[in-house]
Amino acid sequence: MDNIYKKVGQQIRLLRIRRGLTQEELAEKAGMNPKYIGQIERGEVNTTINMLTKVASGMNLNLADLFSFPKTRIRETENTLVEKRIIRLLQVLNTKQLKFVEKTIKNLLPL
């Protein structure tokens, strides 16, 4: 991808997911509209430095962090999304259910 808006948007999405934030939560922390956060993440808008500073601040980052593009970004993002969904599912289980899940995972994986 040679579109800088998409690259920055993907980086913002990756950093947001790593912090376990939804677009709505980031928008609240940054004092922005959640729909605008989505547009930034998809590279649909030519946003201002001021807005990017708000986004970075909402994640307790420096503005420069939004321009650091790791090569493993896409795969890492997918893995992180799956991990976050699994954690959210596990958080609603009781002890008996958690033990069942643990036993099932141990039986499925050669650990």
N, C-alpha and C. Protein backbone atom coordinates (compact mmCIF):
# COMPACT_ATOMS: atom_id res chain seq x y z
N MET A 1 0.84 -1.19 0.00
CA MET A 1 0.00 0.00 0.00
C MET A 1 0.88 1.25 0.00
N ASP A 2 0.70 2.06 -0.98
CA ASP A 2 1.50 3.26 -1.01
C ASP A 2 0.70 4.49 -0.61
N ASN A 3 -0.51 4.31 -0.15
CA ASN A 3 -1.33 5.43 0.30
C ASN A 3 -1.02 5.71 1.77
N ILE A 4 -0.43 6.86 2.05
CA ILE A 4 -0.01 7.19 3.42
C ILE A 4 -1.20 7.25 4.37
N TYR A 5 -2.37 7.67 3.88
CA TYR A 5 -3.54 7.75 4.75
C TYR A 5 -3.94 6.35 5.22
N LYS A 6 -3.86 5.38 4.32
CA LYS A 6 -4.20 4.01 4.70
C LYS A 6 -3.15 3.42 5.64
N LYS A 7 -1.89 3.72 5.40
CA LYS A 7 -0.83 3.22 6.27
C LYS A 7 -0.98 3.77 7.69
N VAL A 8 -1.22 5.06 7.79
CA VAL A 8 -1.40 5.67 9.11
C VAL A 8 -2.66 5.11 9.77
N GLY A 9 -3.72 4.96 8.99
CA GLY A 9 -4.97 4.41 9.52
C GLY A 9 -4.80 2.99 10.06
N GLN A 10 -4.07 2.17 9.31
CA GLN A 10 -3.80 0.80 9.77
C GLN A 10 -2.98 0.79 11.04
N GLN A 11 -2.02 1.70 11.12
CA GLN A 11 -1.20 1.80 12.32
C GLN A 11 -2.04 2.21 13.52
N ILE A 12 -2.93 3.16 13.32
CA ILE A 12 -3.81 3.60 14.41
C ILE A 12 -4.69 2.43 14.86
N ARG A 13 -5.23 1.70 13.90
CA ARG A 13 -6.09 0.54 14.23
C ARG A 13 -5.30 -0.49 15.03
N LEU A 14 -4.09 -0.81 14.57
CA LEU A 14 -3.24 -1.77 15.27
C LEU A 14 -2.97 -1.33 16.71
N LEU A 15 -2.58 -0.08 16.87
CA LEU A 15 -2.26 0.43 18.21
C LEU A 15 -3.51 0.46 19.10
N ARG A 16 -4.65 0.80 18.52
CA ARG A 16 -5.90 0.83 19.28
C ARG A 16 -6.26 -0.57 19.76
N ILE A 17 -6.16 -1.54 18.87
CA ILE A 17 -6.49 -2.93 19.21
C ILE A 17 -5.53 -3.47 20.26
N ARG A 18 -4.24 -3.16 20.11
CA ARG A 18 -3.26 -3.60 21.11
C ARG A 18 -3.59 -3.10 22.50
N ARG A 19 -4.22 -1.95 22.56
CA ARG A 19 -4.59 -1.37 23.85
C ARG A 19 -5.97 -1.83 24.31
N GLY A 20 -6.61 -2.67 23.52
CA GLY A 20 -7.92 -3.22 23.89
C GLY A 20 -9.04 -2.20 23.81
N LEU A 21 -8.87 -1.20 22.96
CA LEU A 21 -9.88 -0.14 22.85
C LEU A 21 -10.76 -0.35 21.63
N THR A 22 -12.03 -0.03 21.76
CA THR A 22 -12.92 0.03 20.61
C THR A 22 -12.76 1.41 19.98
N GLN A 23 -13.30 1.57 18.79
CA GLN A 23 -13.27 2.89 18.17
C GLN A 23 -14.03 3.90 19.03
N GLU A 24 -15.11 3.46 19.64
CA GLU A 24 -15.90 4.34 20.49
C GLU A 24 -15.11 4.79 21.71
N GLU A 25 -14.38 3.85 22.32
CA GLU A 25 -13.59 4.18 23.51
C GLU A 25 -12.46 5.15 23.16
N LEU A 26 -11.80 4.89 22.03
CA LEU A 26 -10.73 5.80 21.61
C LEU A 26 -11.30 7.18 21.30
N ALA A 27 -12.44 7.21 20.62
CA ALA A 27 -13.06 8.49 20.29
C ALA A 27 -13.38 9.28 21.55
N GLU A 28 -13.88 8.60 22.56
CA GLU A 28 -14.20 9.28 23.82
C GLU A 28 -12.94 9.85 24.47
N LYS A 29 -11.89 9.05 24.50
CA LYS A 29 -10.64 9.49 25.12
C LYS A 29 -10.00 10.65 24.33
N ALA A 30 -10.20 10.64 23.01
CA ALA A 30 -9.59 11.67 22.16
C ALA A 30 -10.51 12.87 21.96
N GLY A 31 -11.74 12.77 22.45
CA GLY A 31 -12.69 13.87 22.26
C GLY A 31 -13.12 14.02 20.81
N MET A 32 -13.32 12.87 20.16
CA MET A 32 -13.66 12.87 18.73
C MET A 32 -14.91 12.03 18.49
N ASN A 33 -15.39 12.07 17.26
CA ASN A 33 -16.53 11.26 16.85
C ASN A 33 -16.04 9.87 16.45
N PRO A 34 -16.70 8.80 16.94
CA PRO A 34 -16.27 7.44 16.58
C PRO A 34 -16.28 7.18 15.08
N LYS A 35 -17.22 7.77 14.37
CA LYS A 35 -17.28 7.58 12.92
C LYS A 35 -16.03 8.17 12.25
N TYR A 36 -15.55 9.26 12.78
CA TYR A 36 -14.35 9.89 12.23
C TYR A 36 -13.12 9.01 12.49
N ILE A 37 -13.08 8.37 13.66
CA ILE A 37 -11.98 7.44 13.95
C ILE A 37 -11.99 6.33 12.91
N GLY A 38 -13.16 5.80 12.61
CA GLY A 38 -13.28 4.75 11.59
C GLY A 38 -12.80 5.22 10.23
N GLN A 39 -13.16 6.44 9.87
CA GLN A 39 -12.72 6.98 8.58
C GLN A 39 -11.20 7.13 8.54
N ILE A 40 -10.61 7.56 9.65
CA ILE A 40 -9.15 7.69 9.72
C ILE A 40 -8.51 6.31 9.55
N GLU A 41 -9.04 5.32 10.28
CA GLU A 41 -8.46 3.98 10.24
C GLU A 41 -8.56 3.36 8.84
N ARG A 42 -9.59 3.69 8.10
CA ARG A 42 -9.75 3.16 6.74
C ARG A 42 -9.02 4.01 5.70
N GLY A 43 -8.40 5.10 6.12
CA GLY A 43 -7.66 5.96 5.20
C GLY A 43 -8.56 6.76 4.28
N GLU A 44 -9.77 7.03 4.74
CA GLU A 44 -10.76 7.72 3.90
C GLU A 44 -10.70 9.24 4.01
N VAL A 45 -9.98 9.75 5.00
CA VAL A 45 -9.93 11.19 5.20
C VAL A 45 -8.50 11.68 5.27
N ASN A 46 -8.31 12.90 4.84
CA ASN A 46 -7.03 13.59 4.97
C ASN A 46 -7.14 14.42 6.25
N THR A 47 -6.82 13.78 7.36
CA THR A 47 -7.01 14.42 8.66
C THR A 47 -5.85 15.38 8.97
N THR A 48 -6.04 16.17 9.99
CA THR A 48 -5.03 17.17 10.37
C THR A 48 -4.07 16.60 11.41
N ILE A 49 -2.94 17.26 11.54
CA ILE A 49 -1.98 16.90 12.59
C ILE A 49 -2.63 17.06 13.96
N ASN A 50 -3.45 18.07 14.11
CA ASN A 50 -4.16 18.29 15.37
C ASN A 50 -5.02 17.07 15.73
N MET A 51 -5.75 16.55 14.76
CA MET A 51 -6.60 15.38 15.01
C MET A 51 -5.76 14.15 15.31
N LEU A 52 -4.66 13.97 14.58
CA LEU A 52 -3.78 12.82 14.83
C LEU A 52 -3.15 12.93 16.21
N THR A 53 -2.85 14.14 16.64
CA THR A 53 -2.32 14.35 17.98
C THR A 53 -3.35 13.93 19.03
N LYS A 54 -4.61 14.25 18.79
CA LYS A 54 -5.68 13.84 19.71
C LYS A 54 -5.79 12.32 19.77
N VAL A 55 -5.70 11.68 18.60
CA VAL A 55 -5.77 10.22 18.54
C VAL A 55 -4.61 9.62 19.34
N ALA A 56 -3.41 10.10 19.09
CA ALA A 56 -2.23 9.59 19.80
C ALA A 56 -2.38 9.80 21.31
N SER A 57 -2.82 10.98 21.69
CA SER A 57 -3.01 11.29 23.10
C SER A 57 -4.06 10.38 23.74
N GLY A 58 -5.10 10.07 22.99
CA GLY A 58 -6.14 9.17 23.49
C GLY A 58 -5.63 7.77 23.79
N MET A 59 -4.51 7.41 23.17
CA MET A 59 -3.89 6.10 23.43
C MET A 59 -2.61 6.23 24.25
N ASN A 60 -2.36 7.43 24.79
CA ASN A 60 -1.15 7.70 25.57
C ASN A 60 0.11 7.42 24.76
N LEU A 61 0.11 7.88 23.51
CA LEU A 61 1.25 7.70 22.61
C LEU A 61 1.79 9.05 22.16
N ASN A 62 2.96 9.00 21.54
CA ASN A 62 3.51 10.16 20.87
C ASN A 62 3.00 10.17 19.43
N LEU A 63 2.91 11.33 18.84
CA LEU A 63 2.48 11.44 17.46
C LEU A 63 3.35 10.57 16.54
N ALA A 64 4.63 10.51 16.80
CA ALA A 64 5.55 9.72 15.97
C ALA A 64 5.18 8.24 15.93
N ASP A 65 4.58 7.73 17.01
CA ASP A 65 4.19 6.32 17.04
C ASP A 65 3.18 5.97 15.95
N LEU A 66 2.42 6.95 15.50
CA LEU A 66 1.43 6.70 14.46
C LEU A 66 2.07 6.53 13.08
N PHE A 67 3.36 6.86 12.99
CA PHE A 67 4.06 6.78 11.71
C PHE A 67 5.14 5.70 11.71
N SER A 68 5.10 4.81 12.68
CA SER A 68 6.04 3.70 12.77
C SER A 68 5.33 2.46 12.24
N PHE A 69 5.68 2.05 11.03
CA PHE A 69 4.94 0.99 10.35
C PHE A 69 5.67 -0.35 10.42
N PRO A 70 5.25 -1.23 11.34
CA PRO A 70 5.89 -2.55 11.43
C PRO A 70 5.52 -3.43 10.24
N LYS A 71 6.41 -4.31 9.83
CA LYS A 71 6.17 -5.17 8.68
C LYS A 71 5.14 -6.25 8.98
N THR A 72 4.97 -6.62 10.25
CA THR A 72 4.04 -7.69 10.61
C THR A 72 2.66 -7.15 10.98
N ARG A 73 2.40 -5.94 10.63
CA ARG A 73 1.19 -5.24 11.06
C ARG A 73 -0.10 -6.02 10.80
N ILE A 74 -0.35 -6.49 9.59
CA ILE A 74 -1.64 -7.09 9.26
C ILE A 74 -1.85 -8.39 10.01
N ARG A 75 -0.89 -9.29 9.99
CA ARG A 75 -1.05 -10.56 10.70
C ARG A 75 -1.18 -10.34 12.20
N GLU A 76 -0.37 -9.44 12.71
CA GLU A 76 -0.42 -9.13 14.14
C GLU A 76 -1.79 -8.58 14.53
N THR A 77 -2.35 -7.76 13.69
CA THR A 77 -3.67 -7.19 13.96
C THR A 77 -4.72 -8.29 13.99
N GLU A 78 -4.67 -9.20 13.02
CA GLU A 78 -5.64 -10.29 12.99
C GLU A 78 -5.53 -11.16 14.23
N ASN A 79 -4.31 -11.50 14.61
CA ASN A 79 -4.10 -12.32 15.80
C ASN A 79 -4.59 -11.60 17.05
N THR A 80 -4.29 -10.32 17.14
CA THR A 80 -4.71 -9.55 18.29
C THR A 80 -6.23 -9.47 18.38
N LEU A 81 -6.89 -9.30 17.26
CA LEU A 81 -8.36 -9.27 17.26
C LEU A 81 -8.93 -10.57 17.78
N VAL A 82 -8.40 -11.69 17.31
CA VAL A 82 -8.88 -13.00 17.75
C VAL A 82 -8.63 -13.17 19.25
N GLU A 83 -7.44 -12.79 19.69
CA GLU A 83 -7.12 -12.89 21.12
C GLU A 83 -8.08 -12.06 21.96
N LYS A 84 -8.37 -10.86 21.53
CA LYS A 84 -9.28 -9.99 22.28
C LYS A 84 -10.68 -10.58 22.34
N ARG A 85 -11.14 -11.15 21.22
CA ARG A 85 -12.48 -11.77 21.21
C ARG A 85 -12.53 -12.97 22.15
N ILE A 86 -11.48 -13.77 22.15
CA ILE A 86 -11.43 -14.94 23.04
C ILE A 86 -11.44 -14.48 24.49
N ILE A 87 -10.66 -13.47 24.82
CA ILE A 87 -10.62 -12.97 26.19
C ILE A 87 -11.99 -12.46 26.62
N ARG A 88 -12.66 -11.73 25.75
CA ARG A 88 -14.00 -11.23 26.09
C ARG A 88 -14.98 -12.39 26.33
N LEU A 89 -14.87 -13.45 25.53
CA LEU A 89 -15.74 -14.61 25.73
C LEU A 89 -15.43 -15.29 27.07
N LEU A 90 -14.15 -15.41 27.39
CA LEU A 90 -13.75 -16.07 28.63
C LEU A 90 -14.17 -15.29 29.87
N GLN A 91 -14.22 -13.98 29.77
CA GLN A 91 -14.52 -13.15 30.93
C GLN A 91 -15.93 -13.36 31.48
N VAL A 92 -16.83 -13.90 30.69
CA VAL A 92 -18.21 -14.08 31.16
C VAL A 92 -18.46 -15.50 31.69
N LEU A 93 -17.45 -16.35 31.62
CA LEU A 93 -17.62 -17.73 32.07
C LEU A 93 -17.40 -17.86 33.58
N ASN A 94 -18.09 -18.84 34.16
CA ASN A 94 -17.86 -19.13 35.57
C ASN A 94 -16.68 -20.10 35.70
N THR A 95 -16.29 -20.42 36.92
CA THR A 95 -15.11 -21.25 37.16
C THR A 95 -15.22 -22.62 36.50
N LYS A 96 -16.37 -23.24 36.61
CA LYS A 96 -16.57 -24.57 36.02
C LYS A 96 -16.41 -24.51 34.50
N GLN A 97 -16.97 -23.50 33.89
CA GLN A 97 -16.86 -23.35 32.44
C GLN A 97 -15.42 -23.07 32.02
N LEU A 98 -14.73 -22.24 32.80
CA LEU A 98 -13.33 -21.94 32.48
C LEU A 98 -12.46 -23.19 32.56
N LYS A 99 -12.69 -24.04 33.57
CA LYS A 99 -11.92 -25.27 33.69
C LYS A 99 -12.19 -26.19 32.51
N PHE A 100 -13.44 -26.23 32.04
CA PHE A 100 -13.79 -27.03 30.87
C PHE A 100 -13.05 -26.53 29.64
N VAL A 101 -13.03 -25.21 29.45
CA VAL A 101 -12.33 -24.62 28.30
C VAL A 101 -10.84 -24.93 28.39
N GLU A 102 -10.27 -24.80 29.58
CA GLU A 102 -8.85 -25.09 29.76
C GLU A 102 -8.54 -26.55 29.39
N LYS A 103 -9.36 -27.47 29.87
CA LYS A 103 -9.16 -28.90 29.58
C LYS A 103 -9.30 -29.17 28.08
N THR A 104 -10.27 -28.55 27.46
CA THR A 104 -10.49 -28.73 26.03
C THR A 104 -9.28 -28.23 25.23
N ILE A 105 -8.78 -27.07 25.58
CA ILE A 105 -7.61 -26.52 24.88
C ILE A 105 -6.40 -27.43 25.05
N LYS A 106 -6.20 -27.89 26.27
CA LYS A 106 -5.05 -28.79 26.52
C LYS A 106 -5.16 -30.07 25.68
N ASN A 107 -6.38 -30.58 25.51
CA ASN A 107 -6.58 -31.79 24.71
C ASN A 107 -6.40 -31.53 23.22
N LEU A 108 -6.66 -30.31 22.78
CA LEU A 108 -6.55 -29.98 21.36
C LEU A 108 -5.12 -29.67 20.94
N LEU A 109 -4.34 -29.12 21.85
CA LEU A 109 -3.01 -28.66 21.50
C LEU A 109 -1.93 -29.56 22.09
N PRO A 110 -0.93 -29.84 21.31
CA PRO A 110 0.19 -30.65 21.82
C PRO A 110 1.16 -29.77 22.61
N LEU A 111 0.80 -29.47 23.84
CA LEU A 111 1.66 -28.61 24.68
C LEU A 111 2.55 -29.43 25.58
